[in-house]
C-alpha atoms as a PDB file:
ATOM      1  CA  MET A   1      89.348  41.310 134.007  1.00  0.00           C
ATOM      2  CA  PRO A   2      91.633  42.203 136.963  1.00  0.00           C
ATOM      3  CA  TRP A   3      92.338  45.777 135.873  1.00  0.00           C
ATOM      4  CA  GLN A   4      94.614  46.474 138.818  1.00  0.00           C
ATOM      5  CA  ARG A   5      97.148  44.008 137.382  1.00  0.00           C
ATOM      6  CA  LEU A   6      97.192  45.940 134.127  1.00  0.00           C
ATOM      7  CA  LEU A   7      97.682  49.261 135.909  1.00  0.00           C
ATOM      8  CA  GLU A   8     100.549  48.061 138.104  1.00  0.00           C
ATOM      9  CA  ALA A   9     104.125  48.887 137.120  1.00  0.00           C
ATOM     10  CA  THR A  10     105.672  45.514 136.219  1.00  0.00           C
ATOM     11  CA  ALA A  11     108.897  44.565 134.464  1.00  0.00           C
ATOM     12  CA  ARG A  12     108.538  43.000 131.035  1.00  0.00           C
ATOM     13  CA  LEU A  13     109.680  39.465 130.423  1.00  0.00           C
ATOM     14  CA  PRO A  14     113.014  39.426 128.560  1.00  0.00           C
ATOM     15  CA  SER A  15     113.234  38.703 124.848  1.00  0.00           C
ATOM     16  CA  GLY A  16     115.722  36.472 123.077  1.00  0.00           C
ATOM     17  CA  GLN A  17     114.375  33.194 124.464  1.00  0.00           C
ATOM     18  CA  PRO A  18     112.861  30.350 122.439  1.00  0.00           C
ATOM     19  CA  LEU A  19     109.129  30.980 122.045  1.00  0.00           C
ATOM     20  CA  ASP A  20     108.048  28.045 124.201  1.00  0.00           C
ATOM     21  CA  ASP A  21     110.398  29.150 126.998  1.00  0.00           C
ATOM     22  CA  TRP A  22     109.114  32.723 126.825  1.00  0.00           C
ATOM     23  CA  TYR A  23     105.524  31.542 126.860  1.00  0.00           C
ATOM     24  CA  GLY A  24     106.221  29.217 129.795  1.00  0.00           C
ATOM     25  CA  ALA A  25     107.724  32.135 131.721  1.00  0.00           C
ATOM     26  CA  LEU A  26     104.632  34.203 130.894  1.00  0.00           C
ATOM     27  CA  LEU A  27     102.277  31.547 132.253  1.00  0.00           C
ATOM     28  CA  GLU A  28     104.377  31.251 135.400  1.00  0.00           C
ATOM     29  CA  ARG A  29     104.161  35.008 135.931  1.00  0.00           C
ATOM     30  CA  LEU A  30     100.418  35.243 135.253  1.00  0.00           C
ATOM     31  CA  GLY A  31      99.089  32.142 136.992  1.00  0.00           C
ATOM     32  CA  GLU A  32      95.521  31.105 136.206  1.00  0.00           C
ATOM     33  CA  VAL A  33      93.907  33.587 133.811  1.00  0.00           C
ATOM     34  CA  THR A  34      91.034  33.738 131.333  1.00  0.00           C
ATOM     35  CA  PRO A  35      91.788  33.882 127.589  1.00  0.00           C
ATOM     36  CA  PHE A  36      91.146  37.641 127.503  1.00  0.00           C
ATOM     37  CA  GLU A  37      93.355  38.204 130.549  1.00  0.00           C
ATOM     38  CA  LEU A  38      96.116  36.170 128.899  1.00  0.00           C
ATOM     39  CA  ALA A  39      95.954  38.451 125.857  1.00  0.00           C
ATOM     40  CA  VAL A  40      95.923  41.717 127.803  1.00  0.00           C
ATOM     41  CA  LEU A  41      98.305  40.946 130.658  1.00  0.00           C
ATOM     42  CA  GLY A  42     100.564  38.976 128.340  1.00  0.00           C
ATOM     43  CA  GLY A  43     100.607  41.861 125.893  1.00  0.00           C
ATOM     44  CA  LYS A  44     101.716  44.290 128.586  1.00  0.00           C
ATOM     45  CA  LEU A  45     104.515  41.950 129.719  1.00  0.00           C
ATOM     46  CA  ALA A  46     105.776  41.377 126.157  1.00  0.00           C
ATOM     47  CA  PRO A  47     109.032  43.095 125.145  1.00  0.00           C
ATOM     48  CA  THR A  48     107.991  43.330 121.475  1.00  0.00           C
ATOM     49  CA  PRO A  49     104.762  43.674 119.488  1.00  0.00           C
ATOM     50  CA  GLY A  50     105.442  40.214 118.056  1.00  0.00           C
ATOM     51  CA  LEU A  51     105.426  38.577 121.473  1.00  0.00           C
ATOM     52  CA  ALA A  52     102.343  40.609 122.415  1.00  0.00           C
ATOM     53  CA  PHE A  53     100.722  39.157 119.295  1.00  0.00           C
ATOM     54  CA  LEU A  54     101.724  35.683 120.492  1.00  0.00           C
ATOM     55  CA  ALA A  55      99.986  36.269 123.843  1.00  0.00           C
ATOM     56  CA  GLY A  56      96.842  37.441 122.056  1.00  0.00           C
ATOM     57  CA  TYR A  57      96.952  34.508 119.648  1.00  0.00           C
ATOM     58  CA  GLN A  58      97.258  31.999 122.497  1.00  0.00           C
ATOM     59  CA  GLY A  59      94.368  33.664 124.325  1.00  0.00           C
ATOM     60  CA  ALA A  60      92.248  33.388 121.175  1.00  0.00           C
ATOM     61  CA  LEU A  61      93.068  29.681 120.814  1.00  0.00           C
ATOM     62  CA  ARG A  62      91.959  29.034 124.382  1.00  0.00           C
ATOM     63  CA  LEU A  63      88.653  30.789 123.883  1.00  0.00           C
ATOM     64  CA  LEU A  64      88.143  28.690 120.742  1.00  0.00           C
ATOM     65  CA  TRP A  65      89.111  25.434 122.489  1.00  0.00           C
ATOM     66  CA  PRO A  66      88.647  25.738 126.277  1.00  0.00           C
ATOM     67  CA  SER A  67      90.182  22.281 126.823  1.00  0.00           C
ATOM     68  CA  ALA A  68      93.481  23.303 125.215  1.00  0.00           C
ATOM     69  CA  PRO A  69      96.649  22.207 127.039  1.00  0.00           C
ATOM     70  CA  LEU A  70      98.602  24.887 128.892  1.00  0.00           C
ATOM     71  CA  SER A  71     101.481  24.593 126.427  1.00  0.00           C
ATOM     72  CA  LEU A  72     101.977  26.612 123.241  1.00  0.00           C
ATOM     73  CA  GLY A  73      99.561  25.808 120.406  1.00  0.00           C
ATOM     74  CA  ALA A  74      98.780  26.782 116.816  1.00  0.00           C
ATOM     75  CA  LEU A  75      95.847  26.722 114.397  1.00  0.00           C
ATOM     76  CA  CYS A  76      96.569  25.239 110.967  1.00  0.00           C
ATOM     77  CA  VAL A  77      94.098  26.177 108.242  1.00  0.00           C
ATOM     78  CA  THR A  78      95.737  27.929 105.280  1.00  0.00           C
ATOM     79  CA  GLU A  79      96.574  25.971 102.130  1.00  0.00           C
ATOM     80  CA  ASN A  80      97.937  27.738  99.040  1.00  0.00           C
ATOM     81  CA  ARG A  81      96.961  31.118 100.567  1.00  0.00           C
ATOM     82  CA  SER A  82      93.342  30.024 100.959  1.00  0.00           C
ATOM     83  CA  VAL A  83      91.231  29.101 103.983  1.00  0.00           C
ATOM     84  CA  ARG A  84      88.160  28.105 101.959  1.00  0.00           C
ATOM     85  CA  PRO A  85      86.991  24.566 102.776  1.00  0.00           C
ATOM     86  CA  ALA A  86      86.506  23.823  99.075  1.00  0.00           C
ATOM     87  CA  ASP A  87      90.198  24.527  98.436  1.00  0.00           C
ATOM     88  CA  MET A  88      91.542  22.249 101.182  1.00  0.00           C
ATOM     89  CA  GLN A  89      93.471  19.157 100.193  1.00  0.00           C
ATOM     90  CA  THR A  90      94.237  17.980 103.753  1.00  0.00           C
ATOM     91  CA  ARG A  91      92.065  14.935 104.405  1.00  0.00           C
ATOM     92  CA  LEU A  92      90.817  13.181 107.518  1.00  0.00           C
ATOM     93  CA  SER A  93      90.187   9.448 107.145  1.00  0.00           C
ATOM     94  CA  GLY A  94      89.052   7.856 110.366  1.00  0.00           C
ATOM     95  CA  LEU A  95      91.557   9.362 112.796  1.00  0.00           C
ATOM     96  CA  SER A  96      94.361   9.669 110.251  1.00  0.00           C
ATOM     97  CA  LEU A  97      95.469  12.983 108.714  1.00  0.00           C
ATOM     98  CA  SER A  98      97.334  13.549 105.469  1.00  0.00           C
ATOM     99  CA  GLY A  99      98.083  16.827 103.720  1.00  0.00           C
ATOM    100  CA  ARG A 100      99.919  20.114 104.138  1.00  0.00           C
ATOM    101  CA  LYS A 101      99.326  23.461 105.813  1.00  0.00           C
ATOM    102  CA  ASP A 102     101.347  26.335 104.432  1.00  0.00           C
ATOM    103  CA  PHE A 103     101.396  29.188 106.938  1.00  0.00           C
ATOM    104  CA  VAL A 104     101.300  28.163 110.589  1.00  0.00           C
ATOM    105  CA  THR A 105     102.116  30.704 113.292  1.00  0.00           C
ATOM    106  CA  ALA A 106     104.818  29.567 115.726  1.00  0.00           C
ATOM    107  CA  ALA A 107     104.406  25.973 114.537  1.00  0.00           C
ATOM    108  CA  ASP A 108     108.014  25.008 115.264  1.00  0.00           C
ATOM    109  CA  ALA A 109     107.592  25.927 118.950  1.00  0.00           C
ATOM    110  CA  ALA A 110     104.014  24.677 119.348  1.00  0.00           C
ATOM    111  CA  ASP A 111     103.354  21.566 121.402  1.00  0.00           C
ATOM    112  CA  TRP A 112      99.934  20.904 119.876  1.00  0.00           C
ATOM    113  CA  LEU A 113      98.380  21.795 116.533  1.00  0.00           C
ATOM    114  CA  LEU A 114      94.725  22.307 115.634  1.00  0.00           C
ATOM    115  CA  VAL A 115      94.378  21.156 112.033  1.00  0.00           C
ATOM    116  CA  ALA A 116      91.400  21.810 109.766  1.00  0.00           C
ATOM    117  CA  ALA A 117      90.782  18.950 107.322  1.00  0.00           C
ATOM    118  CA  ARG A 118      88.214  17.817 104.753  1.00  0.00           C
ATOM    119  CA  GLU A 119      86.159  14.869 105.873  1.00  0.00           C
ATOM    120  CA  ASP A 120      84.470  12.990 103.049  1.00  0.00           C
ATOM    121  CA  VAL A 121      81.684  10.598 103.984  1.00  0.00           C
ATOM    122  CA  GLU A 122      80.036   8.507 101.272  1.00  0.00           C
ATOM    123  CA  GLY A 123      76.613   9.820 100.386  1.00  0.00           C
ATOM    124  CA  GLN A 124      77.130  13.117 102.208  1.00  0.00           C
ATOM    125  CA  PRO A 125      78.491  16.493 101.050  1.00  0.00           C
ATOM    126  CA  PRO A 126      82.103  17.243 102.058  1.00  0.00           C
ATOM    127  CA  ARG A 127      82.502  18.795 105.491  1.00  0.00           C
ATOM    128  CA  LEU A 128      85.296  20.285 107.536  1.00  0.00           C
ATOM    129  CA  ALA A 129      86.610  18.770 110.750  1.00  0.00           C
ATOM    130  CA  LEU A 130      88.983  20.256 113.301  1.00  0.00           C
ATOM    131  CA  THR A 131      91.538  17.848 114.686  1.00  0.00           C
ATOM    132  CA  VAL A 132      94.437  17.875 117.140  1.00  0.00           C
ATOM    133  CA  VAL A 133      97.913  16.456 116.574  1.00  0.00           C
ATOM    134  CA  ARG A 134     101.064  16.649 118.674  1.00  0.00           C
ATOM    135  CA  ASN A 135     104.196  18.225 117.280  1.00  0.00           C
ATOM    136  CA  GLY A 136     106.842  15.554 116.764  1.00  0.00           C
ATOM    137  CA  ALA A 137     104.382  12.651 116.624  1.00  0.00           C
ATOM    138  CA  PRO A 138     104.765  10.052 113.828  1.00  0.00           C
ATOM    139  CA  GLY A 139     103.616  11.509 110.514  1.00  0.00           C
ATOM    140  CA  VAL A 140     103.887  15.121 111.740  1.00  0.00           C
ATOM    141  CA  ARG A 141     106.738  17.194 110.285  1.00  0.00           C
ATOM    142  CA  ILE A 142     107.436  20.921 110.570  1.00  0.00           C
ATOM    143  CA  GLU A 143     109.259  22.772 107.798  1.00  0.00           C
ATOM    144  CA  THR A 144     110.605  26.072 109.104  1.00  0.00           C
ATOM    145  CA  LEU A 145     110.123  29.052 106.762  1.00  0.00           C
ATOM    146  CA  LYS A 146     112.287  32.145 106.415  1.00  0.00           C
ATOM    147  CA  PRO A 147     111.394  34.921 108.904  1.00  0.00           C
ATOM    148  CA  LEU A 148     109.153  37.655 107.555  1.00  0.00           C
ATOM    149  CA  PRO A 149     109.977  41.365 107.885  1.00  0.00           C
ATOM    150  CA  LEU A 150     106.814  41.624 110.009  1.00  0.00           C
ATOM    151  CA  MET A 151     107.201  40.158 113.520  1.00  0.00           C
ATOM    152  CA  PRO A 152     110.386  38.180 112.767  1.00  0.00           C
ATOM    153  CA  ASP A 153     110.483  36.997 116.393  1.00  0.00           C
ATOM    154  CA  VAL A 154     107.319  34.934 115.790  1.00  0.00           C
ATOM    155  CA  PRO A 155     108.282  32.665 112.876  1.00  0.00           C
ATOM    156  CA  HIS A 156     105.946  30.708 110.636  1.00  0.00           C
ATOM    157  CA  ALA A 157     106.280  27.199 109.281  1.00  0.00           C
ATOM    158  CA  ARG A 158     104.768  24.660 106.912  1.00  0.00           C
ATOM    159  CA  LEU A 159     103.102  21.575 108.395  1.00  0.00           C
ATOM    160  CA  HIS A 160     103.392  18.222 106.613  1.00  0.00           C
ATOM    161  CA  LEU A 161     101.064  15.375 107.613  1.00  0.00           C
ATOM    162  CA  ASP A 162     101.486  11.794 106.458  1.00  0.00           C
ATOM    163  CA  GLY A 163      98.995   9.439 108.057  1.00  0.00           C
ATOM    164  CA  ALA A 164      99.303  11.266 111.385  1.00  0.00           C
ATOM    165  CA  HIS A 165      97.088   9.998 114.199  1.00  0.00           C
ATOM    166  CA  CYS A 166      94.762  12.708 115.529  1.00  0.00           C
ATOM    167  CA  GLU A 167      91.893  13.525 117.839  1.00  0.00           C
ATOM    168  CA  ARG A 168      88.749  14.937 116.219  1.00  0.00           C
ATOM    169  CA  LEU A 169      87.032  17.773 118.052  1.00  0.00           C
ATOM    170  CA  ALA A 170      83.239  17.764 118.344  1.00  0.00           C
ATOM    171  CA  GLY A 171      81.197  19.923 116.010  1.00  0.00           C
ATOM    172  CA  ASP A 172      81.532  21.256 112.486  1.00  0.00           C
ATOM    173  CA  GLY A 173      85.074  22.383 111.782  1.00  0.00           C
ATOM    174  CA  TRP A 174      84.053  25.473 109.835  1.00  0.00           C
ATOM    175  CA  ASP A 175      81.047  26.785 111.747  1.00  0.00           C
ATOM    176  CA  ALA A 176      82.244  25.928 115.249  1.00  0.00           C
ATOM    177  CA  TYR A 177      85.947  26.725 114.905  1.00  0.00           C
ATOM    178  CA  VAL A 178      87.512  28.204 111.760  1.00  0.00           C
ATOM    179  CA  LYS A 179      84.837  30.804 111.031  1.00  0.00           C
ATOM    180  CA  PRO A 180      84.504  32.247 114.569  1.00  0.00           C
ATOM    181  CA  PHE A 181      88.281  32.208 115.099  1.00  0.00           C
ATOM    182  CA  ARG A 182      88.701  35.047 112.621  1.00  0.00           C
ATOM    183  CA  SER A 183      86.887  37.474 114.911  1.00  0.00           C
ATOM    184  CA  ILE A 184      88.229  35.930 118.119  1.00  0.00           C
ATOM    185  CA  GLU A 185      91.804  36.360 116.910  1.00  0.00           C
ATOM    186  CA  ASP A 186      91.201  39.940 115.734  1.00  0.00           C
ATOM    187  CA  LEU A 187      89.857  40.904 119.143  1.00  0.00           C
ATOM    188  CA  HIS A 188      92.550  39.234 121.236  1.00  0.00           C
ATOM    189  CA  VAL A 189      95.442  40.458 119.087  1.00  0.00           C
ATOM    190  CA  LEU A 190      94.105  44.027 119.099  1.00  0.00           C
ATOM    191  CA  SER A 191      93.736  43.812 122.891  1.00  0.00           C
ATOM    192  CA  ALA A 192      97.252  42.451 123.355  1.00  0.00           C
ATOM    193  CA  LEU A 193      98.799  45.167 121.211  1.00  0.00           C
ATOM    194  CA  CYS A 194      96.810  47.899 122.953  1.00  0.00           C
ATOM    195  CA  ALA A 195      98.113  46.557 126.267  1.00  0.00           C
ATOM    196  CA  TRP A 196     101.670  46.571 124.887  1.00  0.00           C
ATOM    197  CA  LEU A 197     101.213  50.176 123.802  1.00  0.00           C
ATOM    198  CA  TYR A 198      99.797  51.086 127.201  1.00  0.00           C
ATOM    199  CA  GLY A 199     102.858  49.572 128.886  1.00  0.00           C
ATOM    200  CA  VAL A 200     105.209  51.503 126.608  1.00  0.00           C
ATOM    201  CA  GLY A 201     103.187  54.644 127.258  1.00  0.00           C
ATOM    202  CA  ARG A 202     103.507  54.185 131.014  1.00  0.00           C
ATOM    203  CA  ASP A 203     107.262  53.706 130.774  1.00  0.00           C
ATOM    204  CA  CYS A 204     107.789  56.645 128.425  1.00  0.00           C
ATOM    205  CA  ALA A 205     105.370  59.032 130.172  1.00  0.00           C
ATOM    206  CA  TRP A 206     103.132  59.489 127.156  1.00  0.00           C
ATOM    207  CA  PRO A 207     100.406  62.140 127.432  1.00  0.00           C
ATOM    208  CA  GLN A 208      97.813  61.038 129.954  1.00  0.00           C
ATOM    209  CA  ALA A 209      94.993  61.506 127.448  1.00  0.00           C
ATOM    210  CA  LEU A 210      96.601  58.954 125.113  1.00  0.00           C
ATOM    211  CA  GLN A 211      97.088  56.453 127.923  1.00  0.00           C
ATOM    212  CA  LEU A 212      93.451  56.878 128.944  1.00  0.00           C
ATOM    213  CA  ARG A 213      92.267  56.310 125.370  1.00  0.00           C
ATOM    214  CA  LEU A 214      94.204  53.052 125.251  1.00  0.00           C
ATOM    215  CA  LEU A 215      92.562  52.008 128.521  1.00  0.00           C
ATOM    216  CA  ALA A 216      89.170  52.919 127.083  1.00  0.00           C
ATOM    217  CA  LEU A 217      89.840  50.656 124.093  1.00  0.00           C
ATOM    218  CA  LEU A 218      90.750  47.797 126.425  1.00  0.00           C
ATOM    219  CA  THR A 219      87.618  48.225 128.525  1.00  0.00           C
ATOM    220  CA  GLY A 220      85.557  48.184 125.338  1.00  0.00           C
ATOM    221  CA  ALA A 221      87.387  45.064 124.190  1.00  0.00           C
ATOM    222  CA  ALA A 222      86.552  43.370 127.498  1.00  0.00           C
ATOM    223  CA  GLU A 223      82.855  43.860 126.770  1.00  0.00           C
ATOM    224  CA  VAL A 224      83.200  42.643 123.169  1.00  0.00           C
ATOM    225  CA  SER A 225      84.971  39.509 124.453  1.00  0.00           C
ATOM    226  CA  ARG A 226      81.697  38.508 126.127  1.00  0.00           C
ATOM    227  CA  GLN A 227      79.802  38.481 122.824  1.00  0.00           C
ATOM    228  CA  CYS A 228      79.198  35.448 120.620  1.00  0.00           C
ATOM    229  CA  ALA A 229      81.958  35.450 118.006  1.00  0.00           C
ATOM    230  CA  THR A 230      79.548  34.721 115.138  1.00  0.00           C
ATOM    231  CA  ALA A 231      76.923  37.316 116.114  1.00  0.00           C
ATOM    232  CA  SER A 232      76.370  40.391 113.972  1.00  0.00           C
ATOM    233  CA  THR A 233      76.525  42.584 117.074  1.00  0.00           C
ATOM    234  CA  MET A 234      80.018  41.260 117.857  1.00  0.00           C
ATOM    235  CA  HIS A 235      81.231  42.072 114.350  1.00  0.00           C
ATOM    236  CA  LEU A 236      79.785  45.583 114.621  1.00  0.00           C
ATOM    237  CA  LEU A 237      81.334  46.256 118.028  1.00  0.00           C
ATOM    238  CA  LEU A 238      84.674  44.813 116.939  1.00  0.00           C
ATOM    239  CA  ALA A 239      84.689  47.117 113.928  1.00  0.00           C
ATOM    240  CA  ALA A 240      84.015  50.043 116.258  1.00  0.00           C
ATOM    241  CA  LEU A 241      87.108  49.130 118.308  1.00  0.00           C
ATOM    242  CA  PHE A 242      89.280  49.088 115.191  1.00  0.00           C
ATOM    243  CA  VAL A 243      87.929  52.480 114.097  1.00  0.00           C
ATOM    244  CA  GLU A 244      88.784  53.924 117.525  1.00  0.00           C
ATOM    245  CA  PHE A 245      92.242  52.385 117.375  1.00  0.00           C
ATOM    246  CA  LYS A 246      92.880  53.759 113.877  1.00  0.00           C
ATOM    247  CA  ALA A 247      91.933  57.247 115.116  1.00  0.00           C
ATOM    248  CA  LEU A 248      94.823  57.057 117.619  1.00  0.00           C
ATOM    249  CA  LYS A 249      97.488  56.808 114.895  1.00  0.00           C
ATOM    250  CA  PRO A 250      98.494  60.513 114.847  1.00  0.00           C
ATOM    251  CA  GLU A 251      98.851  60.558 118.639  1.00  0.00           C
ATOM    252  CA  LEU A 252     100.752  57.274 118.677  1.00  0.00           C
ATOM    253  CA  ASP A 253     103.096  58.441 115.919  1.00  0.00           C
ATOM    254  CA  ALA A 254     103.822  61.644 117.818  1.00  0.00           C
ATOM    255  CA  ALA A 255     104.387  59.803 121.101  1.00  0.00           C
ATOM    256  CA  PHE A 256     106.800  57.317 119.541  1.00  0.00           C
ATOM    257  CA  ALA A 257     108.660  60.112 117.727  1.00  0.00           C
ATOM    258  CA  ALA A 258     109.222  61.900 121.042  1.00  0.00           C
ATOM    259  CA  GLY A 259     110.516  58.818 122.870  1.00  0.00           C
ATOM    260  CA  PRO A 260     113.259  56.178 122.624  1.00  0.00           C
ATOM    261  CA  ALA A 261     114.025  55.113 119.045  1.00  0.00           C
ATOM    262  CA  GLU A 262     113.982  51.408 119.952  1.00  0.00           C
ATOM    263  CA  TRP A 263     110.258  51.459 120.741  1.00  0.00           C
ATOM    264  CA  ALA A 264     109.459  53.482 117.613  1.00  0.00           C
ATOM    265  CA  GLU A 265     111.407  51.051 115.420  1.00  0.00           C
ATOM    266  CA  LEU A 266     109.614  48.029 116.873  1.00  0.00           C
ATOM    267  CA  TRP A 267     106.192  49.604 116.331  1.00  0.00           C
ATOM    268  CA  LYS A 268     107.030  50.785 112.814  1.00  0.00           C
ATOM    269  CA  ARG A 269     108.138  47.255 111.934  1.00  0.00           C
ATOM    270  CA  ASP A 270     105.204  45.320 113.407  1.00  0.00           C
ATOM    271  CA  GLN A 271     102.118  47.548 113.481  1.00  0.00           C
ATOM    272  CA  GLY A 272     100.989  46.241 110.090  1.00  0.00           C
ATOM    273  CA  VAL A 273      99.877  42.976 111.701  1.00  0.00           C
ATOM    274  CA  LEU A 274      96.549  44.634 112.509  1.00  0.00           C
ATOM    275  CA  ASP A 275      95.930  45.309 108.802  1.00  0.00           C
ATOM    276  CA  ILE A 276      96.417  41.713 107.622  1.00  0.00           C
ATOM    277  CA  ALA A 277      92.781  40.688 108.171  1.00  0.00           C
ATOM    278  CA  SER A 278      91.230  44.064 107.341  1.00  0.00           C
ATOM    279  CA  GLY A 279      89.571  42.788 104.144  1.00  0.00           C
ATOM    280  CA  PRO A 280      87.644  39.880 105.720  1.00  0.00           C
ATOM    281  CA  ARG A 281      86.843  42.090 108.724  1.00  0.00           C
ATOM    282  CA  ALA A 282      85.281  44.699 106.416  1.00  0.00           C
ATOM    283  CA  LYS A 283      83.152  42.000 104.759  1.00  0.00           C
ATOM    284  CA  ARG A 284      81.920  40.794 108.144  1.00  0.00           C
ATOM    285  CA  LEU A 285      80.995  44.354 109.078  1.00  0.00           C
ATOM    286  CA  GLU A 286      79.093  44.794 105.808  1.00  0.00           C
ATOM    287  CA  LYS A 287      77.083  41.619 106.469  1.00  0.00           C
ATOM    288  CA  ALA A 288      76.480  42.637 110.095  1.00  0.00           C
ATOM    289  CA  LEU A 289      75.116  46.035 109.094  1.00  0.00           C
ATOM    290  CA  ALA A 290      72.763  44.410 106.598  1.00  0.00           C
ATOM    291  CA  THR A 291      71.587  41.833 109.159  1.00  0.00           C
ATOM    292  CA  LEU A 292      70.959  44.519 111.760  1.00  0.00           C
ATOM    293  CA  GLY A 293      69.104  46.745 109.286  1.00  0.00           C
ATOM    294  CA  MET A 294      71.780  49.450 109.486  1.00  0.00           C
ATOM    295  CA  ALA A 295      73.150  49.287 105.931  1.00  0.00           C
END
């Protein structure tokens, strides 16, 4: 991680652009970066927590799929509020996809879509595959959903697939992709938002101790990013980062209250994104503690 780039005073990229244009401008500013660097440096350059989330999400996708195109992408798993393979109705037959995904982040702006689908082979138990389709290709349709109160600048959409041609990625869709992505996304989004907060803190002259604690969280996140996403140690260390971040809430609340209202309003609106996956994260921690003999 090139820490000097994080510490430098740099102007944020402007908001109000289409997501793919903003992301293209971010890549042009950053140049060649690792997935973790994309999350952190992109988070600092983001004008809103929502766009910081987007930088972290894109970094997570690129760690999951190192061959991902440079353009904006999205992971499509959820069906009827479930990500369980047994509940999925989207089917892969040969290289043809049919089905629906209900809650896809930034799908309307994404150039490529990673789609989890059931793959039924005669004589074998059902398995999950991860596939790639291009937005706008035959059989691929995006239904834009109403913006949510949380991060309205990063909209969600429903994906409809009707015999869409796809590429199948190697490996088991659940074990190699969907399952590890939960932790990968948690880490990269937390890192991106910590970097956003650090940038705001620099601009607003927050107490030095608070700025240093945010830097400490980011240095810890850099180490966690080197761990295997399915390892019990990774889940334990990731949980430790979230505990440290939660402990900063009183200081963050005080710092925002003493500064410009616009920053405080943005953070009040969007900070809940870090709580969305708290339930599954707690279950992973519980299993990790038991595996490590620490329960």
